[in-house]
Amino acid sequence: MKNMIVKILLLISCSAMFMGVYYSDFNIVSDADNVVLSWHTTLENNLKETSIERKVVNGVYTSIAVIAAKGDNSSYTYVDENAFKIEDGVYKYQLKFIDNDGTISFSSEQTVTHLTSVTKKTWGSIKALFR
């Protein structure tokens, strides 16, 4: 029993609670030409979905993806394949938690430096012309 209480306290101290969501391990890494985001939830009380938001350092956040809630004790991964359009390669990300009743809360902000190849930047610019 004592061991279980220690584990619960450790879990709470390593997690952040926003509204009805306990999340932890919000990590972002630059991996080749993509940025990979991952996080884990231990509790998803009334959570409908999570919006992944990105911005450049002095920009405003825009939603780049929406992921439906899976339920308590879930792991999530999202690969941002469109993080290549700026010169300095510094992006900020946050998670926007949206409850079933419309209540919104946000994760902490995470920063990543992402440098991509010239080929990827050029190809991305060409693709953007045809959207």
C-alpha atoms as a PDB file:
ATOM      1  CA  MET A   1       0.000   0.000   0.000  1.00  0.00           C
ATOM      2  CA  LYS A   2       2.810   2.418   0.908  1.00  0.00           C
ATOM      3  CA  ASN A   3       4.519   1.645  -2.399  1.00  0.00           C
ATOM      4  CA  MET A   4       1.285   2.435  -4.291  1.00  0.00           C
ATOM      5  CA  ILE A   5       0.934   5.796  -2.507  1.00  0.00           C
ATOM      6  CA  VAL A   6       4.533   6.722  -3.383  1.00  0.00           C
ATOM      7  CA  LYS A   7       3.868   5.872  -7.055  1.00  0.00           C
ATOM      8  CA  ILE A   8       0.720   7.989  -7.109  1.00  0.00           C
ATOM      9  CA  LEU A   9       2.496  10.960  -5.517  1.00  0.00           C
ATOM     10  CA  LEU A  10       5.363  10.615  -7.973  1.00  0.00           C
ATOM     11  CA  LEU A  11       2.929  10.471 -10.884  1.00  0.00           C
ATOM     12  CA  ILE A  12       1.165  13.618  -9.702  1.00  0.00           C
ATOM     13  CA  SER A  13       4.416  15.503  -9.173  1.00  0.00           C
ATOM     14  CA  CYS A  14       5.662  14.603 -12.677  1.00  0.00           C
ATOM     15  CA  SER A  15       2.393  15.473 -14.378  1.00  0.00           C
ATOM     16  CA  ALA A  16       0.516  18.671 -14.975  1.00  0.00           C
ATOM     17  CA  MET A  17      -3.225  18.897 -14.616  1.00  0.00           C
ATOM     18  CA  PHE A  18      -5.214  21.146 -16.873  1.00  0.00           C
ATOM     19  CA  MET A  19      -8.954  21.005 -16.359  1.00  0.00           C
ATOM     20  CA  GLY A  20      -9.713  17.259 -16.463  1.00  0.00           C
ATOM     21  CA  VAL A  21      -6.447  16.211 -18.107  1.00  0.00           C
ATOM     22  CA  TYR A  22      -3.308  14.951 -16.434  1.00  0.00           C
ATOM     23  CA  TYR A  23      -0.543  14.906 -19.004  1.00  0.00           C
ATOM     24  CA  SER A  24       3.175  14.224 -18.735  1.00  0.00           C
ATOM     25  CA  ASP A  25       6.265  13.725 -20.830  1.00  0.00           C
ATOM     26  CA  PHE A  26       5.428  16.423 -23.414  1.00  0.00           C
ATOM     27  CA  ASN A  27       8.512  16.097 -25.614  1.00  0.00           C
ATOM     28  CA  ILE A  28       9.489  17.634 -28.926  1.00  0.00           C
ATOM     29  CA  VAL A  29      12.467  16.574 -31.020  1.00  0.00           C
ATOM     30  CA  SER A  30      13.823  17.614 -34.384  1.00  0.00           C
ATOM     31  CA  ASP A  31      14.224  14.391 -36.360  1.00  0.00           C
ATOM     32  CA  ALA A  32      15.667  14.705 -39.874  1.00  0.00           C
ATOM     33  CA  ASP A  33      13.160  16.788 -41.869  1.00  0.00           C
ATOM     34  CA  ASN A  34      10.316  16.525 -39.325  1.00  0.00           C
ATOM     35  CA  VAL A  35       9.470  17.594 -35.790  1.00  0.00           C
ATOM     36  CA  VAL A  36       8.096  14.808 -33.599  1.00  0.00           C
ATOM     37  CA  LEU A  37       5.825  15.624 -30.661  1.00  0.00           C
ATOM     38  CA  SER A  38       4.870  13.072 -28.026  1.00  0.00           C
ATOM     39  CA  TRP A  39       3.011  13.138 -24.729  1.00  0.00           C
ATOM     40  CA  HIS A  40       1.245  10.810 -22.361  1.00  0.00           C
ATOM     41  CA  THR A  41      -1.987  11.259 -20.444  1.00  0.00           C
ATOM     42  CA  THR A  42      -2.852   9.486 -17.235  1.00  0.00           C
ATOM     43  CA  LEU A  43      -6.357  10.930 -16.872  1.00  0.00           C
ATOM     44  CA  GLU A  44      -8.660  12.272 -19.578  1.00  0.00           C
ATOM     45  CA  ASN A  45     -11.730  13.300 -17.613  1.00  0.00           C
ATOM     46  CA  ASN A  46     -14.250  14.690 -20.142  1.00  0.00           C
ATOM     47  CA  LEU A  47     -11.536  15.316 -22.784  1.00  0.00           C
ATOM     48  CA  LYS A  48     -12.917  15.502 -26.340  1.00  0.00           C
ATOM     49  CA  GLU A  49      -9.763  16.263 -28.345  1.00  0.00           C
ATOM     50  CA  THR A  50      -6.339  17.875 -28.336  1.00  0.00           C
ATOM     51  CA  SER A  51      -5.313  20.531 -30.821  1.00  0.00           C
ATOM     52  CA  ILE A  52      -1.597  20.810 -31.565  1.00  0.00           C
ATOM     53  CA  GLU A  53      -0.580  24.422 -32.033  1.00  0.00           C
ATOM     54  CA  ARG A  54       2.618  25.837 -33.522  1.00  0.00           C
ATOM     55  CA  LYS A  55       4.121  29.294 -33.945  1.00  0.00           C
ATOM     56  CA  VAL A  56       7.384  30.980 -34.826  1.00  0.00           C
ATOM     57  CA  VAL A  57       9.029  32.879 -31.987  1.00  0.00           C
ATOM     58  CA  ASN A  58       7.212  36.207 -32.476  1.00  0.00           C
ATOM     59  CA  GLY A  59       4.140  34.787 -34.228  1.00  0.00           C
ATOM     60  CA  VAL A  60       0.725  33.641 -33.094  1.00  0.00           C
ATOM     61  CA  TYR A  61      -0.314  30.065 -32.479  1.00  0.00           C
ATOM     62  CA  THR A  62      -2.195  28.234 -35.222  1.00  0.00           C
ATOM     63  CA  SER A  63      -3.658  24.754 -35.033  1.00  0.00           C
ATOM     64  CA  ILE A  64      -1.769  22.247 -37.185  1.00  0.00           C
ATOM     65  CA  ALA A  65      -3.648  19.091 -36.144  1.00  0.00           C
ATOM     66  CA  VAL A  66      -6.508  17.852 -33.980  1.00  0.00           C
ATOM     67  CA  ILE A  67      -6.325  14.458 -32.306  1.00  0.00           C
ATOM     68  CA  ALA A  68      -9.339  12.729 -30.748  1.00  0.00           C
ATOM     69  CA  ALA A  69      -9.035  11.622 -27.127  1.00  0.00           C
ATOM     70  CA  LYS A  70      -8.255   7.930 -26.643  1.00  0.00           C
ATOM     71  CA  GLY A  71      -9.017   7.641 -22.935  1.00  0.00           C
ATOM     72  CA  ASP A  72      -7.073   7.422 -19.695  1.00  0.00           C
ATOM     73  CA  ASN A  73      -3.454   6.260 -19.750  1.00  0.00           C
ATOM     74  CA  SER A  74      -2.830   6.964 -23.444  1.00  0.00           C
ATOM     75  CA  SER A  75       0.288   7.840 -25.415  1.00  0.00           C
ATOM     76  CA  TYR A  76       0.203  10.215 -28.360  1.00  0.00           C
ATOM     77  CA  THR A  77       2.659  10.997 -31.136  1.00  0.00           C
ATOM     78  CA  TYR A  78       2.363  13.539 -33.914  1.00  0.00           C
ATOM     79  CA  VAL A  79       4.867  14.089 -36.734  1.00  0.00           C
ATOM     80  CA  ASP A  80       4.949  17.668 -38.018  1.00  0.00           C
ATOM     81  CA  GLU A  81       6.076  17.289 -41.615  1.00  0.00           C
ATOM     82  CA  ASN A  82       5.551  20.990 -42.413  1.00  0.00           C
ATOM     83  CA  ALA A  83       8.085  22.578 -40.070  1.00  0.00           C
ATOM     84  CA  PHE A  84      10.540  23.823 -42.652  1.00  0.00           C
ATOM     85  CA  LYS A  85       9.511  27.239 -43.904  1.00  0.00           C
ATOM     86  CA  ILE A  86      11.568  29.602 -41.744  1.00  0.00           C
ATOM     87  CA  GLU A  87      15.257  30.458 -41.771  1.00  0.00           C
ATOM     88  CA  ASP A  88      16.174  30.302 -38.072  1.00  0.00           C
ATOM     89  CA  GLY A  89      14.220  27.062 -37.509  1.00  0.00           C
ATOM     90  CA  VAL A  90      12.889  27.950 -34.040  1.00  0.00           C
ATOM     91  CA  TYR A  91       9.318  26.867 -33.355  1.00  0.00           C
ATOM     92  CA  LYS A  92       7.127  26.901 -30.269  1.00  0.00           C
ATOM     93  CA  TYR A  93       4.428  24.291 -29.682  1.00  0.00           C
ATOM     94  CA  GLN A  94       1.618  23.884 -27.186  1.00  0.00           C
ATOM     95  CA  LEU A  95      -1.243  21.463 -26.674  1.00  0.00           C
ATOM     96  CA  LYS A  96      -4.783  22.846 -26.488  1.00  0.00           C
ATOM     97  CA  PHE A  97      -7.048  20.500 -24.511  1.00  0.00           C
ATOM     98  CA  ILE A  98     -10.731  20.759 -25.464  1.00  0.00           C
ATOM     99  CA  ASP A  99     -13.338  19.195 -23.175  1.00  0.00           C
ATOM    100  CA  ASN A 100     -16.746  17.879 -24.245  1.00  0.00           C
ATOM    101  CA  ASP A 101     -18.399  20.973 -22.736  1.00  0.00           C
ATOM    102  CA  GLY A 102     -16.153  23.349 -24.740  1.00  0.00           C
ATOM    103  CA  THR A 103     -13.827  24.213 -21.867  1.00  0.00           C
ATOM    104  CA  ILE A 104     -10.290  24.884 -23.110  1.00  0.00           C
ATOM    105  CA  SER A 105      -6.943  24.639 -21.339  1.00  0.00           C
ATOM    106  CA  PHE A 106      -3.340  24.671 -22.547  1.00  0.00           C
ATOM    107  CA  SER A 107      -0.145  22.765 -21.869  1.00  0.00           C
ATOM    108  CA  SER A 108       3.142  24.440 -21.192  1.00  0.00           C
ATOM    109  CA  GLU A 109       4.928  25.911 -24.203  1.00  0.00           C
ATOM    110  CA  GLN A 110       7.800  23.884 -25.686  1.00  0.00           C
ATOM    111  CA  THR A 111      10.526  25.240 -27.998  1.00  0.00           C
ATOM    112  CA  VAL A 112      12.496  23.346 -30.615  1.00  0.00           C
ATOM    113  CA  THR A 113      15.218  24.352 -33.054  1.00  0.00           C
ATOM    114  CA  HIS A 114      14.599  22.585 -36.335  1.00  0.00           C
ATOM    115  CA  LEU A 115      16.974  22.923 -39.249  1.00  0.00           C
ATOM    116  CA  THR A 116      16.019  21.254 -42.505  1.00  0.00           C
ATOM    117  CA  SER A 117      17.754  20.739 -45.795  1.00  0.00           C
ATOM    118  CA  VAL A 118      17.583  23.302 -48.595  1.00  0.00           C
ATOM    119  CA  THR A 119      15.872  20.660 -50.755  1.00  0.00           C
ATOM    120  CA  LYS A 120      13.070  20.217 -48.217  1.00  0.00           C
ATOM    121  CA  LYS A 121      12.577  24.000 -47.895  1.00  0.00           C
ATOM    122  CA  THR A 122      12.485  24.441 -51.689  1.00  0.00           C
ATOM    123  CA  TRP A 123      10.124  21.514 -52.242  1.00  0.00           C
ATOM    124  CA  GLY A 124       7.841  22.766 -49.474  1.00  0.00           C
ATOM    125  CA  SER A 125       7.675  26.215 -51.085  1.00  0.00           C
ATOM    126  CA  ILE A 126       6.837  24.697 -54.484  1.00  0.00           C
ATOM    127  CA  LYS A 127       4.064  22.544 -52.957  1.00  0.00           C
ATOM    128  CA  ALA A 128       2.603  25.620 -51.236  1.00  0.00           C
ATOM    129  CA  LEU A 129       2.189  27.334 -54.614  1.00  0.00           C
ATOM    130  CA  PHE A 130      -0.231  24.625 -55.775  1.00  0.00           C
ATOM    131  CA  ARG A 131      -2.495  24.477 -52.705  1.00  0.00           C
END
